[in-house]
C-alpha atoms as a PDB file:
ATOM      1  CA  MET A   1      -2.996  -4.892  18.876  1.00  0.00           C
ATOM      2  CA  ILE A   2      -2.457  -7.815  16.368  1.00  0.00           C
ATOM      3  CA  HIS A   3      -1.442 -10.837  17.921  1.00  0.00           C
ATOM      4  CA  HIS A   4      -1.230 -13.119  14.844  1.00  0.00           C
ATOM      5  CA  ILE A   5      -1.642 -13.076  11.057  1.00  0.00           C
ATOM      6  CA  SER A   6      -1.513 -15.926   8.593  1.00  0.00           C
ATOM      7  CA  ILE A   7      -0.034 -15.638   5.132  1.00  0.00           C
ATOM      8  CA  SER A   8       0.514 -17.957   2.342  1.00  0.00           C
ATOM      9  CA  GLY A   9       4.096 -18.958   1.100  1.00  0.00           C
ATOM     10  CA  ARG A  10       5.310 -21.092  -1.961  1.00  0.00           C
ATOM     11  CA  GLN A  11       8.041 -22.362   0.451  1.00  0.00           C
ATOM     12  CA  PRO A  12       6.124 -22.263   4.105  1.00  0.00           C
ATOM     13  CA  GLN A  13       9.123 -23.454   5.976  1.00  0.00           C
ATOM     14  CA  GLN A  14      11.979 -21.313   4.394  1.00  0.00           C
ATOM     15  CA  VAL A  15       9.591 -18.118   4.591  1.00  0.00           C
ATOM     16  CA  ALA A  16       8.748 -19.204   8.398  1.00  0.00           C
ATOM     17  CA  GLN A  17      12.484 -19.464   9.234  1.00  0.00           C
ATOM     18  CA  VAL A  18      13.455 -16.080   7.490  1.00  0.00           C
ATOM     19  CA  LEU A  19      10.518 -14.457   9.130  1.00  0.00           C
ATOM     20  CA  ALA A  20      11.883 -15.704  12.583  1.00  0.00           C
ATOM     21  CA  GLN A  21      15.294 -14.115  11.855  1.00  0.00           C
ATOM     22  CA  LEU A  22      13.774 -10.715  11.107  1.00  0.00           C
ATOM     23  CA  CYS A  23      11.421 -10.980  14.222  1.00  0.00           C
ATOM     24  CA  GLN A  24      14.446 -12.357  16.152  1.00  0.00           C
ATOM     25  CA  GLY A  25      12.302 -15.131  17.073  1.00  0.00           C
ATOM     26  CA  GLN A  26      11.627 -19.118  16.269  1.00  0.00           C
ATOM     27  CA  SER A  27       9.968 -20.976  13.595  1.00  0.00           C
ATOM     28  CA  ALA A  28       8.290 -24.367  13.980  1.00  0.00           C
ATOM     29  CA  PRO A  29       6.092 -26.695  12.093  1.00  0.00           C
ATOM     30  CA  PHE A  30       2.234 -26.100  13.020  1.00  0.00           C
ATOM     31  CA  PRO A  31       1.076 -29.371  14.188  1.00  0.00           C
ATOM     32  CA  HIS A  32      -2.636 -28.811  13.367  1.00  0.00           C
ATOM     33  CA  HIS A  33      -2.102 -27.631   9.887  1.00  0.00           C
ATOM     34  CA  GLU A  34      -0.031 -30.238   7.896  1.00  0.00           C
ATOM     35  CA  GLY A  35       2.763 -28.216   5.722  1.00  0.00           C
ATOM     36  CA  SER A  36       2.363 -25.027   7.842  1.00  0.00           C
ATOM     37  CA  TYR A  37       4.809 -23.248  10.002  1.00  0.00           C
ATOM     38  CA  VAL A  38       4.495 -20.606  12.810  1.00  0.00           C
ATOM     39  CA  VAL A  39       6.697 -17.902  13.546  1.00  0.00           C
ATOM     40  CA  LEU A  40       6.982 -17.145  17.289  1.00  0.00           C
ATOM     41  CA  ALA A  41       8.414 -13.715  18.032  1.00  0.00           C
ATOM     42  CA  LEU A  42       8.745 -14.859  21.531  1.00  0.00           C
ATOM     43  CA  ASP A  43       7.741 -11.268  22.841  1.00  0.00           C
ATOM     44  CA  PRO A  44       5.529 -10.308  25.809  1.00  0.00           C
ATOM     45  CA  HIS A  45       2.501  -9.796  23.125  1.00  0.00           C
ATOM     46  CA  GLY A  46       2.502 -13.336  21.905  1.00  0.00           C
ATOM     47  CA  THR A  47       3.115 -12.296  18.310  1.00  0.00           C
ATOM     48  CA  MET A  48       2.703 -15.067  15.783  1.00  0.00           C
ATOM     49  CA  ILE A  49       2.928 -15.249  12.000  1.00  0.00           C
ATOM     50  CA  GLU A  50       1.474 -18.598  10.397  1.00  0.00           C
ATOM     51  CA  VAL A  51       2.598 -19.441   7.034  1.00  0.00           C
ATOM     52  CA  ILE A  52       0.352 -21.540   5.111  1.00  0.00           C
ATOM     53  CA  PRO A  53       1.053 -23.429   1.989  1.00  0.00           C
ATOM     54  CA  GLN A  54      -0.023 -21.425  -1.308  1.00  0.00           C
ATOM     55  CA  GLY A  55      -3.238 -22.648  -2.527  1.00  0.00           C
ATOM     56  CA  THR A  56      -4.592 -23.533   0.867  1.00  0.00           C
ATOM     57  CA  LYS A  57      -8.079 -21.766   1.533  1.00  0.00           C
ATOM     58  CA  LEU A  58      -9.543 -21.312   5.124  1.00  0.00           C
ATOM     59  CA  THR A  59     -13.354 -21.882   5.065  1.00  0.00           C
ATOM     60  CA  PRO A  60     -15.934 -22.026   7.759  1.00  0.00           C
ATOM     61  CA  ASN A  61     -16.705 -25.240   9.299  1.00  0.00           C
ATOM     62  CA  SER A  62     -19.821 -25.259  11.586  1.00  0.00           C
ATOM     63  CA  ASN A  63     -19.109 -28.927  12.687  1.00  0.00           C
ATOM     64  CA  ASP A  64     -15.769 -28.148  14.177  1.00  0.00           C
ATOM     65  CA  PHE A  65     -16.158 -26.695  17.497  1.00  0.00           C
ATOM     66  CA  VAL A  66     -12.437 -26.623  18.072  1.00  0.00           C
ATOM     67  CA  SER A  67     -11.199 -24.292  15.397  1.00  0.00           C
ATOM     68  CA  GLY A  68     -14.380 -23.362  13.437  1.00  0.00           C
ATOM     69  CA  THR A  69     -12.270 -23.420  10.098  1.00  0.00           C
ATOM     70  CA  THR A  70     -11.141 -26.159   7.610  1.00  0.00           C
ATOM     71  CA  LEU A  71      -8.001 -25.836   5.554  1.00  0.00           C
ATOM     72  CA  VAL A  72      -8.801 -26.809   2.018  1.00  0.00           C
ATOM     73  CA  ARG A  73      -5.665 -27.325  -0.237  1.00  0.00           C
ATOM     74  CA  SER A  74      -6.426 -26.879  -4.037  1.00  0.00           C
ATOM     75  CA  SER A  75      -4.941 -29.033  -6.606  1.00  0.00           C
ATOM     76  CA  GLU A  76      -5.201 -26.409  -9.176  1.00  0.00           C
ATOM     77  CA  ASP A  77      -2.569 -23.941  -9.929  1.00  0.00           C
ATOM     78  CA  SER A  78      -2.892 -21.182  -7.218  1.00  0.00           C
ATOM     79  CA  ASP A  79      -3.200 -17.492  -8.164  1.00  0.00           C
ATOM     80  CA  THR A  80       0.005 -15.997  -7.332  1.00  0.00           C
ATOM     81  CA  SER A  81      -0.852 -12.306  -8.005  1.00  0.00           C
ATOM     82  CA  TYR A  82      -0.368  -9.615  -5.401  1.00  0.00           C
ATOM     83  CA  ASN A  83      -3.160  -9.055  -2.869  1.00  0.00           C
ATOM     84  CA  PRO A  84      -4.135  -5.982  -0.671  1.00  0.00           C
ATOM     85  CA  PHE A  85      -3.150  -7.952   2.659  1.00  0.00           C
ATOM     86  CA  HIS A  86      -0.274  -6.704   4.689  1.00  0.00           C
ATOM     87  CA  ALA A  87       0.706  -6.218   8.064  1.00  0.00           C
ATOM     88  CA  ALA A  88       2.904  -3.830  10.042  1.00  0.00           C
ATOM     89  CA  ILE A  89       4.983  -5.455  12.845  1.00  0.00           C
ATOM     90  CA  SER A  90       7.325  -3.876  15.578  1.00  0.00           C
ATOM     91  CA  VAL A  91      10.512  -5.756  15.779  1.00  0.00           C
ATOM     92  CA  SER A  92      13.714  -5.264  17.753  1.00  0.00           C
ATOM     93  CA  THR A  93      15.636  -6.065  14.772  1.00  0.00           C
ATOM     94  CA  PRO A  94      17.856  -3.153  13.429  1.00  0.00           C
ATOM     95  CA  GLU A  95      17.258  -1.786  10.064  1.00  0.00           C
ATOM     96  CA  ALA A  96      20.426  -2.822   8.537  1.00  0.00           C
ATOM     97  CA  THR A  97      20.044  -6.477   9.582  1.00  0.00           C
ATOM     98  CA  ILE A  98      16.374  -6.419   8.041  1.00  0.00           C
ATOM     99  CA  HIS A  99      17.763  -5.416   4.753  1.00  0.00           C
ATOM    100  CA  GLU A 100      20.643  -7.912   5.054  1.00  0.00           C
ATOM    101  CA  ILE A 101      18.079 -10.899   5.733  1.00  0.00           C
ATOM    102  CA  ALA A 102      15.736  -9.917   2.891  1.00  0.00           C
ATOM    103  CA  THR A 103      18.524  -9.179   0.328  1.00  0.00           C
ATOM    104  CA  ARG A 104      20.142 -12.357   1.043  1.00  0.00           C
ATOM    105  CA  GLU A 105      16.670 -14.272   0.182  1.00  0.00           C
ATOM    106  CA  GLY A 106      16.403 -12.244  -3.053  1.00  0.00           C
ATOM    107  CA  TRP A 107      13.239 -10.399  -1.337  1.00  0.00           C
ATOM    108  CA  HIS A 108      12.686  -6.938  -2.347  1.00  0.00           C
ATOM    109  CA  VAL A 109      13.246  -4.702   0.472  1.00  0.00           C
ATOM    110  CA  VAL A 110      13.183  -0.721   0.746  1.00  0.00           C
ATOM    111  CA  THR A 111      12.906   1.609   3.573  1.00  0.00           C
ATOM    112  CA  CYS A 112      10.024   4.411   3.048  1.00  0.00           C
ATOM    113  CA  SER A 113       9.153   7.290   4.608  1.00  0.00           C
ATOM    114  CA  ARG A 114       5.291   7.806   4.755  1.00  0.00           C
ATOM    115  CA  LEU A 115       5.161  11.692   4.221  1.00  0.00           C
ATOM    116  CA  GLY A 116       7.781  12.282   6.869  1.00  0.00           C
ATOM    117  CA  TYR A 117       5.354  11.215   9.540  1.00  0.00           C
ATOM    118  CA  PHE A 118       7.010   7.830  10.212  1.00  0.00           C
ATOM    119  CA  SER A 119       9.300   5.431   8.377  1.00  0.00           C
ATOM    120  CA  ILE A 120       8.768   1.615   7.674  1.00  0.00           C
ATOM    121  CA  ILE A 121      10.775  -1.215   6.091  1.00  0.00           C
ATOM    122  CA  GLU A 122       8.771  -2.937   3.341  1.00  0.00           C
ATOM    123  CA  VAL A 123       9.898  -6.448   2.919  1.00  0.00           C
ATOM    124  CA  TRP A 124       7.987  -8.335   0.038  1.00  0.00           C
ATOM    125  CA  VAL A 125       8.082 -11.923   1.215  1.00  0.00           C
ATOM    126  CA  GLU A 126       8.874 -14.198  -1.643  1.00  0.00           C
ATOM    127  CA  ASN A 127       8.466 -10.946  -3.593  1.00  0.00           C
ATOM    128  CA  GLN A 128       4.979 -11.390  -3.417  1.00  0.00           C
ATOM    129  CA  GLN A 129       3.437 -10.642   0.155  1.00  0.00           C
ATOM    130  CA  LEU A 130       4.011  -7.271   1.756  1.00  0.00           C
ATOM    131  CA  ILE A 131       4.878  -7.349   5.412  1.00  0.00           C
ATOM    132  CA  GLU A 132       6.174  -3.874   6.918  1.00  0.00           C
ATOM    133  CA  PHE A 133       8.628  -3.977   9.890  1.00  0.00           C
ATOM    134  CA  LEU A 134       9.241  -1.227  12.278  1.00  0.00           C
ATOM    135  CA  PRO A 135      12.428  -1.202  14.165  1.00  0.00           C
ATOM    136  CA  PRO A 136      12.194   0.381  17.481  1.00  0.00           C
ATOM    137  CA  ASN A 137      12.906   3.946  16.315  1.00  0.00           C
ATOM    138  CA  PHE A 138      10.468   3.647  13.575  1.00  0.00           C
ATOM    139  CA  ALA A 139       7.816   1.953  15.840  1.00  0.00           C
ATOM    140  CA  ALA A 140       8.083   4.918  18.098  1.00  0.00           C
ATOM    141  CA  GLN A 141       7.379   7.329  15.181  1.00  0.00           C
ATOM    142  CA  TYR A 142       4.513   5.369  13.945  1.00  0.00           C
ATOM    143  CA  ILE A 143       3.027   5.126  17.536  1.00  0.00           C
ATOM    144  CA  ASP A 144       3.420   8.936  17.819  1.00  0.00           C
ATOM    145  CA  PHE A 145       1.704   9.597  14.562  1.00  0.00           C
ATOM    146  CA  MET A 146      -1.423   7.136  15.369  1.00  0.00           C
ATOM    147  CA  GLN A 147      -2.333   9.183  18.434  1.00  0.00           C
ATOM    148  CA  PRO A 148      -5.625  10.804  18.161  1.00  0.00           C
ATOM    149  CA  GLN A 149      -4.099  14.547  18.051  1.00  0.00           C
ATOM    150  CA  SER A 150      -1.786  13.445  15.152  1.00  0.00           C
ATOM    151  CA  LEU A 151      -4.282  11.728  13.345  1.00  0.00           C
ATOM    152  CA  GLN A 152      -7.065  14.755  13.644  1.00  0.00           C
ATOM    153  CA  LYS A 153      -4.350  16.999  12.084  1.00  0.00           C
ATOM    154  CA  PHE A 154      -3.465  14.538   9.421  1.00  0.00           C
ATOM    155  CA  LEU A 155      -7.066  13.939   8.360  1.00  0.00           C
ATOM    156  CA  SER A 156      -7.973  17.398   8.916  1.00  0.00           C
ATOM    157  CA  LEU A 157     -10.962  16.317  11.230  1.00  0.00           C
ATOM    158  CA  PRO A 158     -12.853  19.337  13.097  1.00  0.00           C
ATOM    159  CA  ASN A 159     -11.411  19.378  16.429  1.00  0.00           C
ATOM    160  CA  ASN A 160     -14.675  18.290  18.628  1.00  0.00           C
ATOM    161  CA  GLU A 161     -14.911  16.051  21.395  1.00  0.00           C
ATOM    162  CA  ALA A 162     -17.070  13.216  19.400  1.00  0.00           C
ATOM    163  CA  VAL A 163     -14.421  12.704  16.914  1.00  0.00           C
ATOM    164  CA  GLU A 164     -11.593  12.843  19.498  1.00  0.00           C
ATOM    165  CA  LYS A 165     -13.593  10.149  21.661  1.00  0.00           C
ATOM    166  CA  LEU A 166     -14.163   8.007  18.633  1.00  0.00           C
ATOM    167  CA  LEU A 167     -10.422   8.060  17.582  1.00  0.00           C
ATOM    168  CA  SER A 168      -9.402   7.230  21.307  1.00  0.00           C
ATOM    169  CA  GLN A 169     -11.743   4.166  21.763  1.00  0.00           C
ATOM    170  CA  ASN A 170     -10.636   2.951  18.342  1.00  0.00           C
ATOM    171  CA  LEU A 171      -6.994   3.186  19.108  1.00  0.00           C
ATOM    172  CA  ARG A 172      -7.249   1.360  22.663  1.00  0.00           C
ATOM    173  CA  ARG A 173      -8.722  -1.642  20.991  1.00  0.00           C
END
């Protein structure tokens, strides 16, 4: 289970407010990182998304035993290209509402079927950063697909105890 992720945004406050709507939660300034905002899903899992100003880098800091990291802001123009990071987040927000909110913001949004196994809604935050949203019916499909039996079939793995045990252990983490 992922409890929180951090992404960058050109307009962190606006991005946080919109993501809060998509998650049916709240957004707030993040007091420890100036210019950053958090999205609190207010769910039983403590789900949070931190939106950090674009051009900020997290670097290790062995002298800070509270956080262990330092935020470094770059004065140079940030690389605004796409990146491989993305997250899939279960939300109680209906599919139509997700589309309405993303469309209102001018963000690319599309419902996708992953080879018929499960569906997700791709929302491209600021048309740059991918976050996949799974309303309840999509989340149920995803969870069913991610079960060891389904994954074995999908990956055409040999049906033996060692593989099944490995998959079961990895999915419980």
